[in-house]
Each structure stands twice: as C-alpha cells, then as structure tokens.
Protein backbone atom coordinates (compact mmCIF):
# COMPACT_ATOMS: atom_id res chain seq x y z
CA UNK A 1 80.25 74.49 88.98
CA UNK A 2 80.95 78.06 90.07
CA UNK A 3 84.61 79.08 89.77
CA UNK A 4 86.04 81.79 91.96
CA UNK A 5 88.97 83.91 90.84
CA UNK A 6 91.95 83.31 93.08
CA UNK A 7 94.52 86.08 93.24
CA UNK A 8 98.02 84.68 93.45
CA UNK A 9 100.39 87.15 95.02
CA UNK A 10 103.77 86.46 93.50
CA UNK A 11 106.87 87.09 95.61
CA UNK A 12 108.40 88.55 92.43
CA UNK A 13 107.59 92.05 91.22
CA UNK A 14 107.74 93.76 87.84
CA UNK A 15 109.63 97.05 87.55
CA UNK A 16 106.50 99.19 88.00
CA UNK A 17 105.44 97.19 91.08
CA UNK A 18 108.92 97.47 92.61
CA UNK A 19 108.94 101.24 92.00
CA UNK A 20 105.56 101.55 93.71
CA UNK A 21 106.62 99.36 96.64
CA UNK A 22 109.72 101.39 97.48
CA UNK A 23 108.25 104.69 96.26
CA UNK A 24 110.89 105.51 93.66
CA UNK A 25 110.49 106.36 89.99
CA UNK A 26 111.16 103.70 87.38
CA UNK A 27 114.07 105.84 86.14
CA UNK A 28 115.65 105.76 89.60
CA UNK A 29 115.17 101.99 89.72
CA UNK A 30 116.99 101.65 86.36
CA UNK A 31 119.82 103.89 87.61
CA UNK A 32 120.23 101.85 90.79
CA UNK A 33 120.21 98.62 88.79
CA UNK A 34 122.91 100.00 86.46
CA UNK A 35 124.99 100.81 89.57
CA UNK A 36 124.27 97.29 90.90
CA UNK A 37 122.94 98.94 94.05
CA UNK A 38 119.50 97.33 94.00
CA UNK A 39 118.74 93.59 94.09
CA UNK A 40 117.06 92.40 90.91
CA UNK A 41 117.43 90.12 87.91
CA UNK A 42 116.70 90.53 84.22
CA UNK A 43 114.69 87.63 82.81
CA UNK A 44 113.57 87.48 79.22
CA UNK A 45 114.22 91.19 78.72
CA UNK A 46 112.28 92.35 81.77
CA UNK A 47 113.44 93.13 85.30
CA UNK A 48 112.09 91.14 88.24
CA UNK A 49 112.54 91.93 91.91
CA UNK A 50 112.03 89.70 94.92
CA UNK A 51 109.66 91.50 97.27
CA UNK A 52 111.45 90.43 100.47
CA UNK A 53 114.85 91.47 99.06
CA UNK A 54 113.54 94.93 98.22
CA UNK A 55 111.98 95.29 101.66
CA UNK A 56 115.28 94.23 103.29
CA UNK A 57 117.17 96.69 101.06
CA UNK A 58 114.85 99.50 102.19
CA UNK A 59 115.25 98.58 105.87
CA UNK A 60 119.03 98.64 105.45
CA UNK A 61 118.96 102.04 103.73
CA UNK A 62 116.52 103.55 106.23
CA UNK A 63 118.30 102.63 109.44
CA UNK A 64 119.46 105.68 111.31
C-alpha cells in the first residue's frame, strides 16, 4: 500500500509562524504579548497563536 503524506494545516501557529504571518519580528511579538496587546496563549513553555485571531487583530489595526 502506497501512503501519501498529508499536510495538516493547524489553525494554531508557533511564534515564528505568527511573526511571519503578520510580518513582525519575534522580539516585537514578545513585546506585544508582554503588553497583552496581541492574542496568544503560552502552553507548555511555548507561545501559540490562533491564525484567525491574528488576522482579525491585523484587520483591526490596519483600518483607516
């Protein structure tokens, strides 16, 4: 039987993925988290971000 690799796209992002998505440095992400200005949660010592929440946050910040 031939198995194909299935890529599962998680709705949750690691810090580096979140930084890439919203085009900010990881340091800026940490600063915003410390200020409680960015939606995220720390699980098991690592930060996780819900993709849709980050996208909504960006839309809110970018409205003119």
